[in-house]
Amino acid sequence: MKPGSIRKFDWLYLGSIAVSLLGFVFNYDTIAAQTNAELAAQGVEGLSTGVLIGGLLFGTAISLALWFMISILRIELAKWLLLLLTAWSVLTTATAAASVFDSSVAWGLISTIMTIVALWFLFQPDAKAWFAEKAMKEGVLALMHARILLKK
């Protein structure tokens, strides 16, 4: 069974993904206008819808894959990847907030804060023990497998 910290991570991290999706839905017109302007400046007009939907799907897929690797597969490396991506998110959210603070930035800020709190739960003693327990089991199984191979 998952420890309390991992269950809290699940709720907060999946909640942060939901907040991001809601922010996208509620601010689609603003985001599309900004994307259209940026693409027009580069001479690639009319691609904003595809770029936005593609980016949303890609980002959501990465987020859900990281959650799956952390919470279901118990891959500790994924925790560190999430930490790096969250650090990047903090920088980009801070940059966006410094230039213009609108509703889309507010949704991003809420989502980022939820992800930071979720990450905090991954570094709690019960979560560390949970990850270590899997690593120990895998180590024992690897040793048993190696002994069987050496006997042959």
C-alpha atoms as a PDB file:
ATOM      1  CA  MET A   1       0.000   0.000   0.000  1.00  0.00           C
ATOM      2  CA  LYS A   2       1.160   3.514  -0.761  1.00  0.00           C
ATOM      3  CA  PRO A   3       2.294   5.654   2.169  1.00  0.00           C
ATOM      4  CA  GLY A   4       0.441   8.857   3.018  1.00  0.00           C
ATOM      5  CA  SER A   5       3.021  11.100   1.365  1.00  0.00           C
ATOM      6  CA  ILE A   6       2.657   9.296  -1.957  1.00  0.00           C
ATOM      7  CA  ARG A   7      -1.141   9.508  -1.804  1.00  0.00           C
ATOM      8  CA  LYS A   8      -0.846  13.258  -1.131  1.00  0.00           C
ATOM      9  CA  PHE A   9       1.601  13.538  -4.018  1.00  0.00           C
ATOM     10  CA  ASP A  10      -0.950  11.794  -6.266  1.00  0.00           C
ATOM     11  CA  TRP A  11      -3.755  14.192  -5.379  1.00  0.00           C
ATOM     12  CA  LEU A  12      -1.645  17.342  -5.609  1.00  0.00           C
ATOM     13  CA  TYR A  13       0.218  16.423  -8.772  1.00  0.00           C
ATOM     14  CA  LEU A  14      -2.830  15.160 -10.654  1.00  0.00           C
ATOM     15  CA  GLY A  15      -4.667  18.231  -9.356  1.00  0.00           C
ATOM     16  CA  SER A  16      -1.928  20.476 -10.749  1.00  0.00           C
ATOM     17  CA  ILE A  17      -2.384  18.831 -14.160  1.00  0.00           C
ATOM     18  CA  ALA A  18      -6.139  19.456 -13.917  1.00  0.00           C
ATOM     19  CA  VAL A  19      -5.525  23.104 -12.963  1.00  0.00           C
ATOM     20  CA  SER A  20      -3.248  23.495 -15.986  1.00  0.00           C
ATOM     21  CA  LEU A  21      -5.904  22.042 -18.273  1.00  0.00           C
ATOM     22  CA  LEU A  22      -8.578  24.314 -16.797  1.00  0.00           C
ATOM     23  CA  GLY A  23      -6.290  27.309 -17.198  1.00  0.00           C
ATOM     24  CA  PHE A  24      -5.787  26.391 -20.836  1.00  0.00           C
ATOM     25  CA  VAL A  25      -9.527  26.025 -21.455  1.00  0.00           C
ATOM     26  CA  PHE A  26     -10.480  29.271 -19.701  1.00  0.00           C
ATOM     27  CA  ASN A  27      -7.703  31.276 -21.367  1.00  0.00           C
ATOM     28  CA  TYR A  28      -7.674  29.665 -24.795  1.00  0.00           C
ATOM     29  CA  ASP A  29      -8.572  32.860 -26.675  1.00  0.00           C
ATOM     30  CA  THR A  30      -5.803  34.868 -24.995  1.00  0.00           C
ATOM     31  CA  ILE A  31      -3.236  32.110 -25.458  1.00  0.00           C
ATOM     32  CA  ALA A  32      -4.275  31.620 -29.107  1.00  0.00           C
ATOM     33  CA  ALA A  33      -3.973  35.354 -29.818  1.00  0.00           C
ATOM     34  CA  GLN A  34      -0.476  35.447 -28.285  1.00  0.00           C
ATOM     35  CA  THR A  35       0.564  32.353 -30.221  1.00  0.00           C
ATOM     36  CA  ASN A  36      -0.870  33.749 -33.465  1.00  0.00           C
ATOM     37  CA  ALA A  37       1.092  36.970 -32.995  1.00  0.00           C
ATOM     38  CA  GLU A  38       4.336  35.065 -32.296  1.00  0.00           C
ATOM     39  CA  LEU A  39       3.850  32.726 -35.264  1.00  0.00           C
ATOM     40  CA  ALA A  40       2.906  35.625 -37.556  1.00  0.00           C
ATOM     41  CA  ALA A  41       6.120  37.400 -36.569  1.00  0.00           C
ATOM     42  CA  GLN A  42       7.998  34.297 -37.716  1.00  0.00           C
ATOM     43  CA  GLY A  43       6.028  34.106 -40.961  1.00  0.00           C
ATOM     44  CA  VAL A  44       4.078  30.961 -40.040  1.00  0.00           C
ATOM     45  CA  GLU A  45       0.501  32.138 -39.681  1.00  0.00           C
ATOM     46  CA  GLY A  46      -2.516  29.938 -39.126  1.00  0.00           C
ATOM     47  CA  LEU A  47      -0.814  27.173 -37.176  1.00  0.00           C
ATOM     48  CA  SER A  48      -1.714  28.344 -33.698  1.00  0.00           C
ATOM     49  CA  THR A  49      -4.561  25.879 -33.074  1.00  0.00           C
ATOM     50  CA  GLY A  50      -2.445  22.881 -34.046  1.00  0.00           C
ATOM     51  CA  VAL A  51       0.549  24.138 -32.107  1.00  0.00           C
ATOM     52  CA  LEU A  52      -1.530  24.807 -29.005  1.00  0.00           C
ATOM     53  CA  ILE A  53      -3.429  21.516 -29.032  1.00  0.00           C
ATOM     54  CA  GLY A  54      -0.271  19.560 -29.872  1.00  0.00           C
ATOM     55  CA  GLY A  55       1.646  21.267 -27.088  1.00  0.00           C
ATOM     56  CA  LEU A  56      -1.143  20.670 -24.612  1.00  0.00           C
ATOM     57  CA  LEU A  57      -1.368  16.972 -25.483  1.00  0.00           C
ATOM     58  CA  PHE A  58       2.404  16.530 -25.421  1.00  0.00           C
ATOM     59  CA  GLY A  59       2.805  18.321 -22.078  1.00  0.00           C
ATOM     60  CA  THR A  60      -0.082  16.428 -20.500  1.00  0.00           C
ATOM     61  CA  ALA A  61       1.319  13.113 -21.756  1.00  0.00           C
ATOM     62  CA  ILE A  62       4.724  13.887 -20.221  1.00  0.00           C
ATOM     63  CA  SER A  63       3.119  14.896 -16.920  1.00  0.00           C
ATOM     64  CA  LEU A  64       0.990  11.758 -16.757  1.00  0.00           C
ATOM     65  CA  ALA A  65       3.944   9.560 -17.727  1.00  0.00           C
ATOM     66  CA  LEU A  66       6.028  11.063 -14.924  1.00  0.00           C
ATOM     67  CA  TRP A  67       3.184  10.530 -12.459  1.00  0.00           C
ATOM     68  CA  PHE A  68       2.849   6.899 -13.607  1.00  0.00           C
ATOM     69  CA  MET A  69       6.589   6.257 -13.277  1.00  0.00           C
ATOM     70  CA  ILE A  70       6.690   7.794  -9.805  1.00  0.00           C
ATOM     71  CA  SER A  71       3.446   6.618  -8.263  1.00  0.00           C
ATOM     72  CA  ILE A  72       2.803   3.282  -9.959  1.00  0.00           C
ATOM     73  CA  LEU A  73       6.200   1.986 -11.101  1.00  0.00           C
ATOM     74  CA  ARG A  74       8.100   3.599  -8.197  1.00  0.00           C
ATOM     75  CA  ILE A  75      10.978   4.748 -10.411  1.00  0.00           C
ATOM     76  CA  GLU A  76      12.949   7.178  -8.283  1.00  0.00           C
ATOM     77  CA  LEU A  77      14.746   8.703 -11.270  1.00  0.00           C
ATOM     78  CA  ALA A  78      11.397  10.073 -12.443  1.00  0.00           C
ATOM     79  CA  LYS A  79      11.163  12.026  -9.186  1.00  0.00           C
ATOM     80  CA  TRP A  80      14.373  13.839 -10.087  1.00  0.00           C
ATOM     81  CA  LEU A  81      13.196  14.465 -13.650  1.00  0.00           C
ATOM     82  CA  LEU A  82      10.015  15.992 -12.251  1.00  0.00           C
ATOM     83  CA  LEU A  83      12.126  18.165  -9.952  1.00  0.00           C
ATOM     84  CA  LEU A  84      14.120  19.470 -12.936  1.00  0.00           C
ATOM     85  CA  LEU A  85      10.996  20.158 -15.006  1.00  0.00           C
ATOM     86  CA  THR A  86       9.389  21.913 -12.045  1.00  0.00           C
ATOM     87  CA  ALA A  87      12.465  24.097 -11.592  1.00  0.00           C
ATOM     88  CA  TRP A  88      12.128  25.057 -15.266  1.00  0.00           C
ATOM     89  CA  SER A  89       8.435  25.755 -14.726  1.00  0.00           C
ATOM     90  CA  VAL A  90       9.247  28.029 -11.788  1.00  0.00           C
ATOM     91  CA  LEU A  91      11.640  30.032 -13.981  1.00  0.00           C
ATOM     92  CA  THR A  92       9.219  30.345 -16.889  1.00  0.00           C
ATOM     93  CA  THR A  93       6.285  31.218 -14.624  1.00  0.00           C
ATOM     94  CA  ALA A  94       8.370  33.870 -12.851  1.00  0.00           C
ATOM     95  CA  THR A  95       9.443  35.318 -16.199  1.00  0.00           C
ATOM     96  CA  ALA A  96       5.844  35.383 -17.450  1.00  0.00           C
ATOM     97  CA  ALA A  97       4.597  36.961 -14.211  1.00  0.00           C
ATOM     98  CA  ALA A  98       7.282  39.644 -14.401  1.00  0.00           C
ATOM     99  CA  SER A  99       6.325  40.655 -17.945  1.00  0.00           C
ATOM    100  CA  VAL A 100       2.540  40.495 -17.754  1.00  0.00           C
ATOM    101  CA  PHE A 101       0.371  39.027 -15.021  1.00  0.00           C
ATOM    102  CA  ASP A 102      -2.934  37.872 -16.436  1.00  0.00           C
ATOM    103  CA  SER A 103      -5.342  35.029 -15.794  1.00  0.00           C
ATOM    104  CA  SER A 104      -3.284  32.461 -17.703  1.00  0.00           C
ATOM    105  CA  VAL A 105      -0.212  33.266 -15.602  1.00  0.00           C
ATOM    106  CA  ALA A 106      -2.308  32.991 -12.428  1.00  0.00           C
ATOM    107  CA  TRP A 107      -3.488  29.496 -13.435  1.00  0.00           C
ATOM    108  CA  GLY A 108       0.111  28.526 -14.215  1.00  0.00           C
ATOM    109  CA  LEU A 109       1.260  29.878 -10.866  1.00  0.00           C
ATOM    110  CA  ILE A 110      -1.371  27.859  -8.990  1.00  0.00           C
ATOM    111  CA  SER A 111      -0.427  24.719 -10.914  1.00  0.00           C
ATOM    112  CA  THR A 112       3.283  25.260 -10.266  1.00  0.00           C
ATOM    113  CA  ILE A 113       2.733  25.787  -6.542  1.00  0.00           C
ATOM    114  CA  MET A 114       0.670  22.595  -6.374  1.00  0.00           C
ATOM    115  CA  THR A 115       3.482  20.705  -8.148  1.00  0.00           C
ATOM    116  CA  ILE A 116       6.094  22.095  -5.734  1.00  0.00           C
ATOM    117  CA  VAL A 117       4.034  20.966  -2.743  1.00  0.00           C
ATOM    118  CA  ALA A 118       3.492  17.566  -4.391  1.00  0.00           C
ATOM    119  CA  LEU A 119       7.248  17.237  -4.907  1.00  0.00           C
ATOM    120  CA  TRP A 120       7.830  18.067  -1.248  1.00  0.00           C
ATOM    121  CA  PHE A 121       5.848  14.947  -0.328  1.00  0.00           C
ATOM    122  CA  LEU A 122       8.167  12.793  -2.455  1.00  0.00           C
ATOM    123  CA  PHE A 123      11.088  13.728  -0.206  1.00  0.00           C
ATOM    124  CA  GLN A 124       9.373  12.825   3.074  1.00  0.00           C
ATOM    125  CA  PRO A 125      10.734   9.887   5.116  1.00  0.00           C
ATOM    126  CA  ASP A 126       7.821   7.532   4.342  1.00  0.00           C
ATOM    127  CA  ALA A 127       8.126   8.225   0.604  1.00  0.00           C
ATOM    128  CA  LYS A 128      11.899   7.703   0.700  1.00  0.00           C
ATOM    129  CA  ALA A 129      11.381   4.387   2.487  1.00  0.00           C
ATOM    130  CA  TRP A 130       8.753   3.384  -0.078  1.00  0.00           C
ATOM    131  CA  PHE A 131      11.152   4.015  -2.970  1.00  0.00           C
ATOM    132  CA  ALA A 132      14.012   2.300  -1.111  1.00  0.00           C
ATOM    133  CA  GLU A 133      11.857  -0.765  -0.423  1.00  0.00           C
ATOM    134  CA  LYS A 134      11.343  -1.295  -4.145  1.00  0.00           C
ATOM    135  CA  ALA A 135      15.037  -0.746  -4.852  1.00  0.00           C
ATOM    136  CA  MET A 136      15.943  -3.279  -2.160  1.00  0.00           C
ATOM    137  CA  LYS A 137      13.524  -5.873  -3.583  1.00  0.00           C
ATOM    138  CA  GLU A 138      14.948  -5.360  -7.052  1.00  0.00           C
ATOM    139  CA  GLY A 139      18.478  -5.703  -5.695  1.00  0.00           C
ATOM    140  CA  VAL A 140      17.644  -8.971  -3.944  1.00  0.00           C
ATOM    141  CA  LEU A 141      15.957 -10.321  -7.079  1.00  0.00           C
ATOM    142  CA  ALA A 142      18.971  -9.334  -9.178  1.00  0.00           C
ATOM    143  CA  LEU A 143      21.304 -11.132  -6.764  1.00  0.00           C
ATOM    144  CA  MET A 144      19.115 -14.243  -6.788  1.00  0.00           C
ATOM    145  CA  HIS A 145      19.040 -14.166 -10.585  1.00  0.00           C
ATOM    146  CA  ALA A 146      22.814 -13.776 -10.755  1.00  0.00           C
ATOM    147  CA  ARG A 147      23.339 -16.733  -8.393  1.00  0.00           C
ATOM    148  CA  ILE A 148      21.063 -18.903 -10.534  1.00  0.00           C
ATOM    149  CA  LEU A 149      22.976 -17.916 -13.670  1.00  0.00           C
ATOM    150  CA  LEU A 150      26.336 -18.602 -11.983  1.00  0.00           C
ATOM    151  CA  LYS A 151      25.220 -22.103 -10.930  1.00  0.00           C
ATOM    152  CA  LYS A 152      24.467 -23.075 -14.535  1.00  0.00           C
END
